[in-house]
All heavy atoms as atom14 arrays in JSON, in Angstrom:
{
  "sequence": "AEALKVGLIDEVVSFDRIQTAAGRKAKQYMQ",
  "atom14_mask": [
    [1, 1, 1, 1, 1, 0, 0, 0, 0, 0, 0, 0, 0, 0],
    [1, 1, 1, 1, 1, 1, 1, 1, 1, 0, 0, 0, 0, 0],
    [1, 1, 1, 1, 1, 0, 0, 0, 0, 0, 0, 0, 0, 0],
    [1, 1, 1, 1, 1, 1, 1, 1, 0, 0, 0, 0, 0, 0],
    [1, 1, 1, 1, 1, 1, 1, 1, 1, 0, 0, 0, 0, 0],
    [1, 1, 1, 1, 1, 1, 1, 0, 0, 0, 0, 0, 0, 0],
    [1, 1, 1, 1, 0, 0, 0, 0, 0, 0, 0, 0, 0, 0],
    [1, 1, 1, 1, 1, 1, 1, 1, 0, 0, 0, 0, 0, 0],
    [1, 1, 1, 1, 1, 1, 1, 1, 0, 0, 0, 0, 0, 0],
    [1, 1, 1, 1, 1, 1, 1, 1, 0, 0, 0, 0, 0, 0],
    [1, 1, 1, 1, 1, 1, 1, 1, 1, 0, 0, 0, 0, 0],
    [1, 1, 1, 1, 1, 1, 1, 0, 0, 0, 0, 0, 0, 0],
    [1, 1, 1, 1, 1, 1, 1, 0, 0, 0, 0, 0, 0, 0],
    [1, 1, 1, 1, 1, 1, 0, 0, 0, 0, 0, 0, 0, 0],
    [1, 1, 1, 1, 1, 1, 1, 1, 1, 1, 1, 0, 0, 0],
    [1, 1, 1, 1, 1, 1, 1, 1, 0, 0, 0, 0, 0, 0],
    [1, 1, 1, 1, 1, 1, 1, 1, 1, 1, 1, 0, 0, 0],
    [1, 1, 1, 1, 1, 1, 1, 1, 0, 0, 0, 0, 0, 0],
    [1, 1, 1, 1, 1, 1, 1, 1, 1, 0, 0, 0, 0, 0],
    [1, 1, 1, 1, 1, 1, 1, 0, 0, 0, 0, 0, 0, 0],
    [1, 1, 1, 1, 1, 0, 0, 0, 0, 0, 0, 0, 0, 0],
    [1, 1, 1, 1, 1, 0, 0, 0, 0, 0, 0, 0, 0, 0],
    [1, 1, 1, 1, 0, 0, 0, 0, 0, 0, 0, 0, 0, 0],
    [1, 1, 1, 1, 1, 1, 1, 1, 1, 1, 1, 0, 0, 0],
    [1, 1, 1, 1, 1, 1, 1, 1, 1, 0, 0, 0, 0, 0],
    [1, 1, 1, 1, 1, 0, 0, 0, 0, 0, 0, 0, 0, 0],
    [1, 1, 1, 1, 1, 1, 1, 1, 1, 0, 0, 0, 0, 0],
    [1, 1, 1, 1, 1, 1, 1, 1, 1, 0, 0, 0, 0, 0],
    [1, 1, 1, 1, 1, 1, 1, 1, 1, 1, 1, 1, 0, 0],
    [1, 1, 1, 1, 1, 1, 1, 1, 0, 0, 0, 0, 0, 0],
    [1, 1, 1, 1, 1, 1, 1, 1, 1, 0, 0, 0, 0, 0]
  ],
  "atom14_positions": [
    [[-2.9, -7.53, -9.44], [-4.12, -8.13, -8.88], [-3.88, -9.47, -8.34], [-4.34, -9.89, -7.26], [-5.27, -8.18, -9.94], [0.0, 0.0, 0.0], [0.0, 0.0, 0.0], [0.0, 0.0, 0.0], [0.0, 0.0, 0.0], [0.0, 0.0, 0.0], [0.0, 0.0, 0.0], [0.0, 0.0, 0.0], [0.0, 0.0, 0.0], [0.0, 0.0, 0.0]],
    [[-3.07, -10.3, -9.1], [-2.79, -11.64, -8.67], [-1.8, -11.64, -7.45], [-1.97, -12.44, -6.57], [-2.16, -12.39, -9.82], [-2.2, -13.92, -9.7], [-1.62, -14.71, -10.82], [-1.55, -14.15, -12.0], [-1.24, -15.85, -10.59], [0.0, 0.0, 0.0], [0.0, 0.0, 0.0], [0.0, 0.0, 0.0], [0.0, 0.0, 0.0], [0.0, 0.0, 0.0]],
    [[-0.84, -10.72, -7.48], [0.09, -10.57, -6.36], [-0.65, -10.21, -5.09], [-0.31, -10.71, -4.02], [1.14, -9.55, -6.71], [0.0, 0.0, 0.0], [0.0, 0.0, 0.0], [0.0, 0.0, 0.0], [0.0, 0.0, 0.0], [0.0, 0.0, 0.0], [0.0, 0.0, 0.0], [0.0, 0.0, 0.0], [0.0, 0.0, 0.0], [0.0, 0.0, 0.0]],
    [[-1.66, -9.4, -5.24], [-2.52, -8.99, -4.09], [-3.26, -10.18, -3.52], [-3.34, -10.34, -2.28], [-3.44, -7.9, -4.52], [-4.38, -7.3, -3.49], [-3.53, -6.48, -2.38], [-5.39, -6.33, -4.13], [0.0, 0.0, 0.0], [0.0, 0.0, 0.0], [0.0, 0.0, 0.0], [0.0, 0.0, 0.0], [0.0, 0.0, 0.0], [0.0, 0.0, 0.0]],
    [[-3.76, -10.99, -4.44], [-4.63, -12.16, -4.03], [-3.78, -13.15, -3.21], [-4.31, -13.71, -2.26], [-5.21, -12.81, -5.35], [-6.46, -13.5, -5.09], [-7.22, -13.78, -6.39], [-6.9, -15.16, -6.94], [-7.49, -15.42, -8.23], [0.0, 0.0, 0.0], [0.0, 0.0, 0.0], [0.0, 0.0, 0.0], [0.0, 0.0, 0.0], [0.0, 0.0, 0.0]],
    [[-2.47, -13.35, -3.55], [-1.72, -14.33, -2.83], [-0.96, -13.74, -1.68], [-0.24, -14.49, -0.95], [-0.71, -15.07, -3.77], [-1.45, -15.9, -4.84], [0.31, -14.16, -4.43], [0.0, 0.0, 0.0], [0.0, 0.0, 0.0], [0.0, 0.0, 0.0], [0.0, 0.0, 0.0], [0.0, 0.0, 0.0], [0.0, 0.0, 0.0], [0.0, 0.0, 0.0]],
    [[-1.06, -12.44, -1.48], [-0.41, -11.82, -0.27], [0.99, -11.37, -0.5], [1.73, -11.04, 0.37], [0.0, 0.0, 0.0], [0.0, 0.0, 0.0], [0.0, 0.0, 0.0], [0.0, 0.0, 0.0], [0.0, 0.0, 0.0], [0.0, 0.0, 0.0], [0.0, 0.0, 0.0], [0.0, 0.0, 0.0], [0.0, 0.0, 0.0], [0.0, 0.0, 0.0]],
    [[1.45, -11.42, -1.83], [2.75, -10.94, -2.15], [2.84, -9.4, -2.02], [3.85, -8.86, -1.61], [3.06, -11.33, -3.55], [4.47, -10.98, -4.15], [5.62, -11.38, -3.25], [4.66, -11.56, -5.54], [0.0, 0.0, 0.0], [0.0, 0.0, 0.0], [0.0, 0.0, 0.0], [0.0, 0.0, 0.0], [0.0, 0.0, 0.0], [0.0, 0.0, 0.0]],
    [[1.75, -8.71, -2.29], [1.63, -7.34, -1.97], [0.39, -7.08, -1.17], [-0.48, -7.96, -1.08], [1.63, -6.49, -3.29], [0.52, -6.87, -4.23], [2.94, -6.48, -3.97], [0.31, -5.94, -5.42], [0.0, 0.0, 0.0], [0.0, 0.0, 0.0], [0.0, 0.0, 0.0], [0.0, 0.0, 0.0], [0.0, 0.0, 0.0], [0.0, 0.0, 0.0]],
    [[0.29, -5.87, -0.57], [-0.81, -5.61, 0.4], [-1.83, -4.65, -0.14], [-2.98, -4.62, 0.38], [-0.21, -5.04, 1.66], [0.81, -5.98, 2.29], [0.47, -7.09, 2.74], [2.06, -5.69, 2.24], [0.0, 0.0, 0.0], [0.0, 0.0, 0.0], [0.0, 0.0, 0.0], [0.0, 0.0, 0.0], [0.0, 0.0, 0.0], [0.0, 0.0, 0.0]],
    [[-1.42, -3.84, -1.1], [-2.38, -2.85, -1.68], [-1.97, -2.57, -3.1], [-0.83, -2.66, -3.45], [-2.29, -1.44, -0.91], [-2.69, -1.41, 0.48], [-2.47, 0.03, 1.1], [-3.13, 0.95, 0.6], [-1.64, 0.16, 2.0], [0.0, 0.0, 0.0], [0.0, 0.0, 0.0], [0.0, 0.0, 0.0], [0.0, 0.0, 0.0], [0.0, 0.0, 0.0]],
    [[-3.02, -2.26, -3.93], [-2.77, -1.8, -5.29], [-3.5, -0.39, -5.44], [-4.66, -0.28, -5.05], [-3.39, -2.75, -6.27], [-3.13, -2.21, -7.7], [-2.75, -4.17, -6.18], [0.0, 0.0, 0.0], [0.0, 0.0, 0.0], [0.0, 0.0, 0.0], [0.0, 0.0, 0.0], [0.0, 0.0, 0.0], [0.0, 0.0, 0.0], [0.0, 0.0, 0.0]],
    [[-2.67, 0.58, -5.76], [-3.28, 1.94, -5.94], [-2.72, 2.51, -7.23], [-1.75, 1.99, -7.81], [-2.9, 2.9, -4.79], [-3.42, 2.35, -3.41], [-1.4, 3.13, -4.66], [0.0, 0.0, 0.0], [0.0, 0.0, 0.0], [0.0, 0.0, 0.0], [0.0, 0.0, 0.0], [0.0, 0.0, 0.0], [0.0, 0.0, 0.0], [0.0, 0.0, 0.0]],
    [[-3.36, 3.59, -7.75], [-2.8, 4.21, -8.91], [-1.45, 4.86, -8.59], [-1.21, 5.21, -7.46], [-3.78, 5.28, -9.4], [-3.92, 6.3, -8.42], [0.0, 0.0, 0.0], [0.0, 0.0, 0.0], [0.0, 0.0, 0.0], [0.0, 0.0, 0.0], [0.0, 0.0, 0.0], [0.0, 0.0, 0.0], [0.0, 0.0, 0.0], [0.0, 0.0, 0.0]],
    [[-0.64, 4.95, -9.6], [0.73, 5.48, -9.42], [0.76, 6.81, -8.64], [1.55, 7.04, -7.79], [1.47, 5.61, -10.78], [2.84, 6.26, -10.64], [3.95, 5.62, -10.05], [2.96, 7.65, -11.02], [5.14, 6.22, -9.96], [4.18, 8.22, -10.8], [5.33, 7.58, -10.34], [0.0, 0.0, 0.0], [0.0, 0.0, 0.0], [0.0, 0.0, 0.0]],
    [[-0.16, 7.68, -9.0], [-0.18, 9.06, -8.38], [-0.63, 9.03, -6.88], [-0.52, 10.04, -6.23], [-0.95, 10.09, -9.26], [-2.38, 9.62, -9.54], [-2.8, 8.64, -8.95], [-3.03, 10.2, -10.38], [0.0, 0.0, 0.0], [0.0, 0.0, 0.0], [0.0, 0.0, 0.0], [0.0, 0.0, 0.0], [0.0, 0.0, 0.0], [0.0, 0.0, 0.0]],
    [[-1.12, 7.88, -6.45], [-1.55, 7.83, -5.05], [-0.62, 7.02, -4.18], [-0.83, 6.89, -2.97], [-3.01, 7.21, -4.95], [-4.04, 8.19, -5.39], [-5.48, 7.65, -5.16], [-5.57, 6.96, -3.89], [-6.03, 5.74, -3.74], [-6.43, 4.99, -4.82], [-6.18, 5.15, -2.62], [0.0, 0.0, 0.0], [0.0, 0.0, 0.0], [0.0, 0.0, 0.0]],
    [[0.47, 6.44, -4.81], [1.27, 5.53, -4.1], [2.04, 6.15, -2.92], [2.16, 5.56, -1.84], [2.24, 4.77, -5.08], [2.66, 3.38, -4.47], [3.36, 5.59, -5.55], [3.21, 2.42, -5.56], [0.0, 0.0, 0.0], [0.0, 0.0, 0.0], [0.0, 0.0, 0.0], [0.0, 0.0, 0.0], [0.0, 0.0, 0.0], [0.0, 0.0, 0.0]],
    [[2.55, 7.33, -3.11], [3.3, 8.09, -2.07], [2.38, 8.34, -0.85], [2.81, 8.11, 0.29], [3.73, 9.42, -2.62], [4.85, 9.35, -3.61], [6.16, 9.67, -2.97], [6.26, 10.15, -1.9], [7.25, 9.37, -3.71], [0.0, 0.0, 0.0], [0.0, 0.0, 0.0], [0.0, 0.0, 0.0], [0.0, 0.0, 0.0], [0.0, 0.0, 0.0]],
    [[1.17, 8.81, -1.14], [0.18, 9.03, -0.04], [-0.16, 7.83, 0.69], [-0.16, 7.81, 1.95], [-1.12, 9.67, -0.63], [-0.71, 10.6, -1.65], [-1.97, 10.34, 0.38], [0.0, 0.0, 0.0], [0.0, 0.0, 0.0], [0.0, 0.0, 0.0], [0.0, 0.0, 0.0], [0.0, 0.0, 0.0], [0.0, 0.0, 0.0], [0.0, 0.0, 0.0]],
    [[-0.36, 6.75, -0.02], [-0.75, 5.45, 0.61], [0.43, 4.92, 1.48], [0.2, 4.43, 2.6], [-1.1, 4.46, -0.46], [0.0, 0.0, 0.0], [0.0, 0.0, 0.0], [0.0, 0.0, 0.0], [0.0, 0.0, 0.0], [0.0, 0.0, 0.0], [0.0, 0.0, 0.0], [0.0, 0.0, 0.0], [0.0, 0.0, 0.0], [0.0, 0.0, 0.0]],
    [[1.64, 5.09, 0.96], [2.8, 4.62, 1.72], [3.0, 5.45, 3.0], [3.32, 4.9, 4.07], [4.11, 4.71, 0.86], [0.0, 0.0, 0.0], [0.0, 0.0, 0.0], [0.0, 0.0, 0.0], [0.0, 0.0, 0.0], [0.0, 0.0, 0.0], [0.0, 0.0, 0.0], [0.0, 0.0, 0.0], [0.0, 0.0, 0.0], [0.0, 0.0, 0.0]],
    [[2.86, 6.79, 2.91], [2.97, 7.6, 4.04], [1.92, 7.33, 5.1], [2.22, 7.24, 6.29], [0.0, 0.0, 0.0], [0.0, 0.0, 0.0], [0.0, 0.0, 0.0], [0.0, 0.0, 0.0], [0.0, 0.0, 0.0], [0.0, 0.0, 0.0], [0.0, 0.0, 0.0], [0.0, 0.0, 0.0], [0.0, 0.0, 0.0], [0.0, 0.0, 0.0]],
    [[0.73, 6.98, 4.61], [-0.43, 6.72, 5.57], [-0.12, 5.41, 6.34], [-0.25, 5.33, 7.55], [-1.73, 6.54, 4.73], [-2.96, 6.39, 5.6], [-4.24, 6.12, 4.8], [-4.4, 7.11, 3.78], [-4.62, 6.82, 2.48], [-4.73, 5.57, 2.07], [-4.85, 7.79, 1.6], [0.0, 0.0, 0.0], [0.0, 0.0, 0.0], [0.0, 0.0, 0.0]],
    [[0.41, 4.41, 5.59], [0.7, 3.13, 6.29], [1.83, 3.32, 7.29], [1.85, 2.81, 8.42], [1.11, 2.06, 5.23], [1.22, 0.7, 5.84], [-0.22, 0.22, 6.25], [-0.13, -1.04, 7.13], [-1.47, -1.58, 7.44], [0.0, 0.0, 0.0], [0.0, 0.0, 0.0], [0.0, 0.0, 0.0], [0.0, 0.0, 0.0], [0.0, 0.0, 0.0]],
    [[2.89, 4.09, 6.9], [4.03, 4.34, 7.79], [3.49, 4.95, 9.03], [3.9, 4.56, 10.19], [5.04, 5.2, 7.07], [0.0, 0.0, 0.0], [0.0, 0.0, 0.0], [0.0, 0.0, 0.0], [0.0, 0.0, 0.0], [0.0, 0.0, 0.0], [0.0, 0.0, 0.0], [0.0, 0.0, 0.0], [0.0, 0.0, 0.0], [0.0, 0.0, 0.0]],
    [[2.58, 6.0, 8.9], [2.07, 6.69, 10.07], [1.23, 5.84, 11.02], [1.25, 5.99, 12.14], [1.29, 7.98, 9.63], [2.18, 9.06, 9.15], [1.39, 10.27, 8.6], [2.38, 11.29, 8.14], [1.67, 12.27, 7.19], [0.0, 0.0, 0.0], [0.0, 0.0, 0.0], [0.0, 0.0, 0.0], [0.0, 0.0, 0.0], [0.0, 0.0, 0.0]],
    [[0.55, 4.89, 10.37], [-0.21, 3.9, 11.16], [0.69, 3.11, 12.06], [0.44, 2.98, 13.26], [-0.99, 2.95, 10.25], [-1.88, 1.99, 11.02], [-2.32, 0.81, 10.22], [-2.41, 0.87, 8.96], [-2.66, -0.31, 10.86], [0.0, 0.0, 0.0], [0.0, 0.0, 0.0], [0.0, 0.0, 0.0], [0.0, 0.0, 0.0], [0.0, 0.0, 0.0]],
    [[1.85, 2.65, 11.51], [2.79, 1.92, 12.4], [3.5, 2.81, 13.34], [3.77, 2.41, 14.5], [3.82, 1.28, 11.45], [3.44, 0.07, 10.65], [3.97, -0.15, 9.34], [2.52, -0.84, 11.14], [3.58, -1.27, 8.62], [2.18, -1.99, 10.42], [2.7, -2.19, 9.11], [2.34, -3.23, 8.38], [0.0, 0.0, 0.0], [0.0, 0.0, 0.0]],
    [[3.72, 4.05, 12.91], [4.48, 4.98, 13.88], [3.7, 5.38, 15.11], [4.28, 5.86, 16.09], [4.84, 6.27, 13.06], [5.99, 6.09, 12.12], [6.03, 7.29, 10.72], [6.12, 8.84, 11.54], [0.0, 0.0, 0.0], [0.0, 0.0, 0.0], [0.0, 0.0, 0.0], [0.0, 0.0, 0.0], [0.0, 0.0, 0.0], [0.0, 0.0, 0.0]],
    [[2.37, 5.21, 15.03], [1.55, 5.65, 16.2], [1.66, 4.69, 17.39], [1.28, 4.98, 18.48], [0.1, 5.86, 15.8], [-0.57, 4.51, 15.51], [-2.04, 4.71, 15.02], [-2.62, 5.73, 15.22], [-2.55, 3.67, 14.4], [0.0, 0.0, 0.0], [0.0, 0.0, 0.0], [0.0, 0.0, 0.0], [0.0, 0.0, 0.0], [0.0, 0.0, 0.0]]
  ]
}
């Protein structure tokens, strides 16, 4: 939560959603 607040990370999700979230972000850039 603190890392997110300072911009060290961009998203916090549950472990089981991390792959989906990463794939989604990659596809956003890929378009």
